[in-house]
Amino acid sequence: MTTVQAQVITTNPEFPVSGESVTITFDATKGNTQLEGYTGDVYAYTGVNTDVADWRHIIADWGENTDKAKMERDPNNPNL
């Protein structure tokens, strides 16, 4: 049996590098689809774990919905 799974989150470029811009796309039709058709605001809570420290370089605290973390909808596909 072959199983195909689509990615909920993709990046462009596929392999981002430090100091360069990256576009992160969240596809609400993939995964558990709990946000499919959702029309409210969506925020990305991001950071990195390293061998030196956990969860660093965040742009806001958990639950702090800042404009910098607010995601933009694709005008042609509201699920992106």
PDB file of N, CA and C in Angstrom:
ATOM      1  N   MET A   1       0.842  -1.169   0.000  1.00  0.00           N
ATOM      2  CA  MET A   1       0.000   0.000   0.000  1.00  0.00           C
ATOM      3  C   MET A   1       0.892   1.238   0.000  1.00  0.00           C
ATOM      4  N   THR A   2       0.589   2.185  -0.852  1.00  0.00           N
ATOM      5  CA  THR A   2       1.333   3.432  -0.928  1.00  0.00           C
ATOM      6  C   THR A   2       0.535   4.530  -0.239  1.00  0.00           C
ATOM      7  N   THR A   3       1.203   5.289   0.602  1.00  0.00           N
ATOM      8  CA  THR A   3       0.562   6.399   1.287  1.00  0.00           C
ATOM      9  C   THR A   3       1.195   7.694   0.825  1.00  0.00           C
ATOM     10  N   VAL A   4       0.363   8.643   0.465  1.00  0.00           N
ATOM     11  CA  VAL A   4       0.848   9.952   0.049  1.00  0.00           C
ATOM     12  C   VAL A   4       0.344  10.975   1.055  1.00  0.00           C
ATOM     13  N   GLN A   5       1.250  11.780   1.568  1.00  0.00           N
ATOM     14  CA  GLN A   5       0.861  12.821   2.502  1.00  0.00           C
ATOM     15  C   GLN A   5       1.297  14.169   1.951  1.00  0.00           C
ATOM     16  N   ALA A   6       0.404  15.115   1.965  1.00  0.00           N
ATOM     17  CA  ALA A   6       0.729  16.460   1.495  1.00  0.00           C
ATOM     18  C   ALA A   6       1.268  17.278   2.663  1.00  0.00           C
ATOM     19  N   GLN A   7       2.057  18.269   2.345  1.00  0.00           N
ATOM     20  CA  GLN A   7       2.634  19.130   3.362  1.00  0.00           C
ATOM     21  C   GLN A   7       1.653  20.220   3.773  1.00  0.00           C
ATOM     22  N   VAL A   8       1.465  20.384   5.060  1.00  0.00           N
ATOM     23  CA  VAL A   8       0.621  21.448   5.584  1.00  0.00           C
ATOM     24  C   VAL A   8       1.352  22.784   5.457  1.00  0.00           C
ATOM     25  N   ILE A   9       2.645  22.771   5.720  1.00  0.00           N
ATOM     26  CA  ILE A   9       3.465  23.981   5.649  1.00  0.00           C
ATOM     27  C   ILE A   9       4.564  23.778   4.628  1.00  0.00           C
ATOM     28  N   THR A  10       4.724  24.763   3.749  1.00  0.00           N
ATOM     29  CA  THR A  10       5.819  24.748   2.783  1.00  0.00           C
ATOM     30  C   THR A  10       6.553  26.082   2.877  1.00  0.00           C
ATOM     31  N   THR A  11       7.792  26.082   2.404  1.00  0.00           N
ATOM     32  CA  THR A  11       8.577  27.312   2.391  1.00  0.00           C
ATOM     33  C   THR A  11       9.101  27.576   0.989  1.00  0.00           C
ATOM     34  N   ASN A  12       9.289  28.850   0.700  1.00  0.00           N
ATOM     35  CA  ASN A  12       9.899  29.253  -0.560  1.00  0.00           C
ATOM     36  C   ASN A  12      10.924  30.332  -0.242  1.00  0.00           C
ATOM     37  N   PRO A  13      12.211  30.019  -0.413  1.00  0.00           N
ATOM     38  CA  PRO A  13      12.744  28.816  -1.032  1.00  0.00           C
ATOM     39  C   PRO A  13      12.565  27.592  -0.132  1.00  0.00           C
ATOM     40  N   GLU A  14      12.689  26.433  -0.730  1.00  0.00           N
ATOM     41  CA  GLU A  14      12.494  25.180   0.008  1.00  0.00           C
ATOM     42  C   GLU A  14      13.463  25.053   1.171  1.00  0.00           C
ATOM     43  N   PHE A  15      14.702  25.509   0.977  1.00  0.00           N
ATOM     44  CA  PHE A  15      15.719  25.458   2.021  1.00  0.00           C
ATOM     45  C   PHE A  15      16.173  26.885   2.334  1.00  0.00           C
ATOM     46  N   PRO A  16      15.486  27.555   3.265  1.00  0.00           N
ATOM     47  CA  PRO A  16      15.836  28.941   3.595  1.00  0.00           C
ATOM     48  C   PRO A  16      17.249  29.039   4.170  1.00  0.00           C
ATOM     49  N   VAL A  17      17.851  30.204   3.980  1.00  0.00           N
ATOM     50  CA  VAL A  17      19.184  30.462   4.533  1.00  0.00           C
ATOM     51  C   VAL A  17      19.133  31.730   5.376  1.00  0.00           C
ATOM     52  N   SER A  18      20.008  31.804   6.337  1.00  0.00           N
ATOM     53  CA  SER A  18      20.078  32.943   7.238  1.00  0.00           C
ATOM     54  C   SER A  18      20.285  34.241   6.466  1.00  0.00           C
ATOM     55  N   GLY A  19      19.540  35.260   6.844  1.00  0.00           N
ATOM     56  CA  GLY A  19      19.690  36.571   6.233  1.00  0.00           C
ATOM     57  C   GLY A  19      18.884  36.788   4.969  1.00  0.00           C
ATOM     58  N   GLU A  20      18.187  35.772   4.497  1.00  0.00           N
ATOM     59  CA  GLU A  20      17.388  35.880   3.268  1.00  0.00           C
ATOM     60  C   GLU A  20      15.899  35.782   3.607  1.00  0.00           C
ATOM     61  N   SER A  21      15.069  36.383   2.772  1.00  0.00           N
ATOM     62  CA  SER A  21      13.617  36.313   2.957  1.00  0.00           C
ATOM     63  C   SER A  21      13.108  34.908   2.672  1.00  0.00           C
ATOM     64  N   VAL A  22      12.033  34.547   3.358  1.00  0.00           N
ATOM     65  CA  VAL A  22      11.393  33.256   3.129  1.00  0.00           C
ATOM     66  C   VAL A  22       9.880  33.451   3.223  1.00  0.00           C
ATOM     67  N   THR A  23       9.149  32.770   2.357  1.00  0.00           N
ATOM     68  CA  THR A  23       7.691  32.775   2.416  1.00  0.00           C
ATOM     69  C   THR A  23       7.243  31.437   2.985  1.00  0.00           C
ATOM     70  N   ILE A  24       6.447  31.488   4.043  1.00  0.00           N
ATOM     71  CA  ILE A  24       5.907  30.284   4.671  1.00  0.00           C
ATOM     72  C   ILE A  24       4.433  30.200   4.295  1.00  0.00           C
ATOM     73  N   THR A  25       4.032  29.072   3.702  1.00  0.00           N
ATOM     74  CA  THR A  25       2.643  28.884   3.292  1.00  0.00           C
ATOM     75  C   THR A  25       2.013  27.782   4.133  1.00  0.00           C
ATOM     76  N   PHE A  26       0.864  28.080   4.724  1.00  0.00           N
ATOM     77  CA  PHE A  26       0.085  27.119   5.490  1.00  0.00           C
ATOM     78  C   PHE A  26      -1.141  26.770   4.661  1.00  0.00           C
ATOM     79  N   ASP A  27      -1.323  25.493   4.357  1.00  0.00           N
ATOM     80  CA  ASP A  27      -2.458  25.034   3.549  1.00  0.00           C
ATOM     81  C   ASP A  27      -3.486  24.374   4.462  1.00  0.00           C
ATOM     82  N   ALA A  28      -4.589  25.086   4.708  1.00  0.00           N
ATOM     83  CA  ALA A  28      -5.616  24.605   5.633  1.00  0.00           C
ATOM     84  C   ALA A  28      -6.371  23.382   5.125  1.00  0.00           C
ATOM     85  N   THR A  29      -6.205  23.026   3.857  1.00  0.00           N
ATOM     86  CA  THR A  29      -6.885  21.840   3.327  1.00  0.00           C
ATOM     87  C   THR A  29      -6.088  20.567   3.586  1.00  0.00           C
ATOM     88  N   LYS A  30      -4.900  20.703   4.135  1.00  0.00           N
ATOM     89  CA  LYS A  30      -4.042  19.546   4.427  1.00  0.00           C
ATOM     90  C   LYS A  30      -4.068  19.257   5.931  1.00  0.00           C
ATOM     91  N   GLY A  31      -3.454  18.181   6.332  1.00  0.00           N
ATOM     92  CA  GLY A  31      -3.399  17.830   7.748  1.00  0.00           C
ATOM     93  C   GLY A  31      -4.771  17.473   8.277  1.00  0.00           C
ATOM     94  N   ASN A  32      -5.104  17.977   9.477  1.00  0.00           N
ATOM     95  CA  ASN A  32      -6.399  17.625  10.067  1.00  0.00           C
ATOM     96  C   ASN A  32      -7.532  18.528   9.577  1.00  0.00           C
ATOM     97  N   THR A  33      -7.231  19.515   8.767  1.00  0.00           N
ATOM     98  CA  THR A  33      -8.181  20.434   8.105  1.00  0.00           C
ATOM     99  C   THR A  33      -9.057  21.230   9.075  1.00  0.00           C
ATOM    100  N   GLN A  34      -8.663  21.341  10.337  1.00  0.00           N
ATOM    101  CA  GLN A  34      -9.477  22.063  11.315  1.00  0.00           C
ATOM    102  C   GLN A  34      -9.645  23.544  10.984  1.00  0.00           C
ATOM    103  N   LEU A  35      -8.716  24.127  10.202  1.00  0.00           N
ATOM    104  CA  LEU A  35      -8.831  25.537   9.829  1.00  0.00           C
ATOM    105  C   LEU A  35      -9.372  25.743   8.417  1.00  0.00           C
ATOM    106  N   GLU A  36      -9.733  24.667   7.749  1.00  0.00           N
ATOM    107  CA  GLU A  36     -10.275  24.804   6.395  1.00  0.00           C
ATOM    108  C   GLU A  36     -11.564  25.621   6.440  1.00  0.00           C
ATOM    109  N   GLY A  37     -11.631  26.663   5.626  1.00  0.00           N
ATOM    110  CA  GLY A  37     -12.801  27.525   5.580  1.00  0.00           C
ATOM    111  C   GLY A  37     -12.843  28.581   6.675  1.00  0.00           C
ATOM    112  N   TYR A  38     -11.893  28.552   7.602  1.00  0.00           N
ATOM    113  CA  TYR A  38     -11.835  29.541   8.683  1.00  0.00           C
ATOM    114  C   TYR A  38     -11.545  30.914   8.095  1.00  0.00           C
ATOM    115  N   THR A  39     -12.281  31.930   8.511  1.00  0.00           N
ATOM    116  CA  THR A  39     -12.119  33.265   7.931  1.00  0.00           C
ATOM    117  C   THR A  39     -11.506  34.277   8.896  1.00  0.00           C
ATOM    118  N   GLY A  40     -11.226  33.861  10.128  1.00  0.00           N
ATOM    119  CA  GLY A  40     -10.621  34.778  11.096  1.00  0.00           C
ATOM    120  C   GLY A  40      -9.123  34.928  10.871  1.00  0.00           C
ATOM    121  N   ASP A  41      -8.497  35.721  11.716  1.00  0.00           N
ATOM    122  CA  ASP A  41      -7.056  35.940  11.620  1.00  0.00           C
ATOM    123  C   ASP A  41      -6.292  34.700  12.061  1.00  0.00           C
ATOM    124  N   VAL A  42      -5.145  34.466  11.425  1.00  0.00           N
ATOM    125  CA  VAL A  42      -4.255  33.358  11.766  1.00  0.00           C
ATOM    126  C   VAL A  42      -2.869  33.945  12.004  1.00  0.00           C
ATOM    127  N   TYR A  43      -2.228  33.509  13.081  1.00  0.00           N
ATOM    128  CA  TYR A  43      -0.904  34.001  13.442  1.00  0.00           C
ATOM    129  C   TYR A  43       0.079  32.845  13.483  1.00  0.00           C
ATOM    130  N   ALA A  44       1.298  33.109  13.078  1.00  0.00           N
ATOM    131  CA  ALA A  44       2.349  32.092  13.096  1.00  0.00           C
ATOM    132  C   ALA A  44       3.232  32.325  14.315  1.00  0.00           C
ATOM    133  N   TYR A  45       3.318  31.337  15.176  1.00  0.00           N
ATOM    134  CA  TYR A  45       4.201  31.404  16.334  1.00  0.00           C
ATOM    135  C   TYR A  45       5.438  30.604  15.975  1.00  0.00           C
ATOM    136  N   THR A  46       6.537  31.282  15.770  1.00  0.00           N
ATOM    137  CA  THR A  46       7.738  30.620  15.278  1.00  0.00           C
ATOM    138  C   THR A  46       8.925  30.866  16.191  1.00  0.00           C
ATOM    139  N   GLY A  47       9.888  29.967  16.108  1.00  0.00           N
ATOM    140  CA  GLY A  47      11.138  30.073  16.844  1.00  0.00           C
ATOM    141  C   GLY A  47      12.018  28.905  16.454  1.00  0.00           C
ATOM    142  N   VAL A  48      13.151  28.791  17.097  1.00  0.00           N
ATOM    143  CA  VAL A  48      14.055  27.677  16.808  1.00  0.00           C
ATOM    144  C   VAL A  48      14.553  27.053  18.105  1.00  0.00           C
ATOM    145  N   ASN A  49      14.798  25.765  18.063  1.00  0.00           N
ATOM    146  CA  ASN A  49      15.477  25.052  19.137  1.00  0.00           C
ATOM    147  C   ASN A  49      16.902  24.794  18.688  1.00  0.00           C
ATOM    148  N   THR A  50      17.843  24.974  19.582  1.00  0.00           N
ATOM    149  CA  THR A  50      19.238  24.675  19.272  1.00  0.00           C
ATOM    150  C   THR A  50      19.806  23.791  20.366  1.00  0.00           C
ATOM    151  N   ASP A  51      21.034  23.343  20.168  1.00  0.00           N
ATOM    152  CA  ASP A  51      21.668  22.543  21.211  1.00  0.00           C
ATOM    153  C   ASP A  51      22.090  23.411  22.395  1.00  0.00           C
ATOM    154  N   VAL A  52      22.056  24.732  22.233  1.00  0.00           N
ATOM    155  CA  VAL A  52      22.440  25.656  23.298  1.00  0.00           C
ATOM    156  C   VAL A  52      21.240  26.034  24.170  1.00  0.00           C
ATOM    157  N   ALA A  53      20.087  26.241  23.544  1.00  0.00           N
ATOM    158  CA  ALA A  53      18.906  26.675  24.294  1.00  0.00           C
ATOM    159  C   ALA A  53      17.638  26.287  23.538  1.00  0.00           C
ATOM    160  N   ASP A  54      16.548  26.182  24.287  1.00  0.00           N
ATOM    161  CA  ASP A  54      15.258  25.849  23.690  1.00  0.00           C
ATOM    162  C   ASP A  54      14.504  27.107  23.285  1.00  0.00           C
ATOM    163  N   TRP A  55      13.777  27.013  22.219  1.00  0.00           N
ATOM    164  CA  TRP A  55      12.817  27.986  21.715  1.00  0.00           C
ATOM    165  C   TRP A  55      13.322  29.426  21.829  1.00  0.00           C
ATOM    166  N   ARG A  56      14.182  29.771  20.884  1.00  0.00           N
ATOM    167  CA  ARG A  56      14.806  31.092  20.843  1.00  0.00           C
ATOM    168  C   ARG A  56      14.388  31.828  19.574  1.00  0.00           C
ATOM    169  N   HIS A  57      14.714  33.094  19.523  1.00  0.00           N
ATOM    170  CA  HIS A  57      14.486  33.946  18.347  1.00  0.00           C
ATOM    171  C   HIS A  57      13.008  34.009  17.964  1.00  0.00           C
ATOM    172  N   ILE A  58      12.157  34.128  18.965  1.00  0.00           N
ATOM    173  CA  ILE A  58      10.722  34.250  18.718  1.00  0.00           C
ATOM    174  C   ILE A  58      10.371  35.718  18.464  1.00  0.00           C
ATOM    175  N   ILE A  59       9.267  35.972  17.763  1.00  0.00           N
ATOM    176  CA  ILE A  59       8.873  37.356  17.493  1.00  0.00           C
ATOM    177  C   ILE A  59       7.796  37.845  18.448  1.00  0.00           C
ATOM    178  N   ALA A  60       7.200  36.946  19.221  1.00  0.00           N
ATOM    179  CA  ALA A  60       6.179  37.328  20.198  1.00  0.00           C
ATOM    180  C   ALA A  60       5.976  36.164  21.161  1.00  0.00           C
ATOM    181  N   ASP A  61       5.459  36.471  22.339  1.00  0.00           N
ATOM    182  CA  ASP A  61       5.138  35.419  23.294  1.00  0.00           C
ATOM    183  C   ASP A  61       3.896  34.664  22.835  1.00  0.00           C
ATOM    184  N   TRP A  62       3.746  33.427  23.308  1.00  0.00           N
ATOM    185  CA  TRP A  62       2.608  32.594  22.957  1.00  0.00           C
ATOM    186  C   TRP A  62       1.314  33.333  23.306  1.00  0.00           C
ATOM    187  N   GLY A  63       0.393  33.386  22.360  1.00  0.00           N
ATOM    188  CA  GLY A  63      -0.884  34.050  22.568  1.00  0.00           C
ATOM    189  C   GLY A  63      -0.859  35.551  22.330  1.00  0.00           C
ATOM    190  N   GLU A  64       0.320  36.113  22.059  1.00  0.00           N
ATOM    191  CA  GLU A  64       0.442  37.542  21.763  1.00  0.00           C
ATOM    192  C   GLU A  64       0.338  37.716  20.252  1.00  0.00           C
ATOM    193  N   ASN A  65      -0.804  38.152  19.797  1.00  0.00           N
ATOM    194  CA  ASN A  65      -1.078  38.239  18.360  1.00  0.00           C
ATOM    195  C   ASN A  65      -0.619  39.581  17.798  1.00  0.00           C
ATOM    196  N   THR A  66       0.636  39.650  17.413  1.00  0.00           N
ATOM    197  CA  THR A  66       1.197  40.888  16.880  1.00  0.00           C
ATOM    198  C   THR A  66       1.031  40.933  15.364  1.00  0.00           C
ATOM    199  N   ASP A  67       1.028  42.140  14.818  1.00  0.00           N
ATOM    200  CA  ASP A  67       0.919  42.295  13.364  1.00  0.00           C
ATOM    201  C   ASP A  67       2.054  41.587  12.639  1.00  0.00           C
ATOM    202  N   LYS A  68       3.230  41.569  13.253  1.00  0.00           N
ATOM    203  CA  LYS A  68       4.386  40.926  12.621  1.00  0.00           C
ATOM    204  C   LYS A  68       4.160  39.425  12.423  1.00  0.00           C
ATOM    205  N   ALA A  69       3.370  38.818  13.301  1.00  0.00           N
ATOM    206  CA  ALA A  69       3.121  37.374  13.227  1.00  0.00           C
ATOM    207  C   ALA A  69       1.848  37.017  12.462  1.00  0.00           C
ATOM    208  N   LYS A  70       1.083  38.020  12.064  1.00  0.00           N
ATOM    209  CA  LYS A  70      -0.186  37.761  11.369  1.00  0.00           C
ATOM    210  C   LYS A  70       0.082  37.285   9.944  1.00  0.00           C
ATOM    211  N   MET A  71      -0.559  36.192   9.577  1.00  0.00           N
ATOM    212  CA  MET A  71      -0.382  35.634   8.241  1.00  0.00           C
ATOM    213  C   MET A  71      -1.334  36.313   7.260  1.00  0.00           C
ATOM    214  N   GLU A  72      -0.939  36.347   5.989  1.00  0.00           N
ATOM    215  CA  GLU A  72      -1.764  36.932   4.934  1.00  0.00           C
ATOM    216  C   GLU A  72      -2.400  35.816   4.116  1.00  0.00           C
ATOM    217  N   ARG A  73      -3.682  35.974   3.817  1.00  0.00           N
ATOM    218  CA  ARG A  73      -4.371  34.987   2.976  1.00  0.00           C
ATOM    219  C   ARG A  73      -4.038  35.212   1.508  1.00  0.00           C
ATOM    220  N   ASP A  74      -3.998  34.124   0.774  1.00  0.00           N
ATOM    221  CA  ASP A  74      -3.847  34.207  -0.676  1.00  0.00           C
ATOM    222  C   ASP A  74      -5.163  34.764  -1.229  1.00  0.00           C
ATOM    223  N   PRO A  75      -5.123  35.830  -2.020  1.00  0.00           N
ATOM    224  CA  PRO A  75      -6.375  36.413  -2.518  1.00  0.00           C
ATOM    225  C   PRO A  75      -7.165  35.478  -3.438  1.00  0.00           C
ATOM    226  N   ASN A  76      -6.500  34.476  -4.007  1.00  0.00           N
ATOM    227  CA  ASN A  76      -7.171  33.543  -4.916  1.00  0.00           C
ATOM    228  C   ASN A  76      -7.602  32.250  -4.242  1.00  0.00           C
ATOM    229  N   ASN A  77      -7.062  31.969  -3.042  1.00  0.00           N
ATOM    230  CA  ASN A  77      -7.394  30.739  -2.334  1.00  0.00           C
ATOM    231  C   ASN A  77      -7.413  31.035  -0.840  1.00  0.00           C
ATOM    232  N   PRO A  78      -8.586  31.233  -0.238  1.00  0.00           N
ATOM    233  CA  PRO A  78      -8.658  31.609   1.176  1.00  0.00           C
ATOM    234  C   PRO A  78      -8.148  30.545   2.140  1.00  0.00           C
ATOM    235  N   ASN A  79      -7.891  29.322   1.668  1.00  0.00           N
ATOM    236  CA  ASN A  79      -7.342  28.280   2.529  1.00  0.00           C
ATOM    237  C   ASN A  79      -5.818  28.301   2.569  1.00  0.00           C
ATOM    238  N   LEU A  80      -5.204  29.252   1.870  1.00  0.00           N
ATOM    239  CA  LEU A  80      -3.745  29.399   1.905  1.00  0.00           C
ATOM    240  C   LEU A  80      -3.394  30.687   2.607  1.00  0.00           C
TER     241      LEU A  80
END
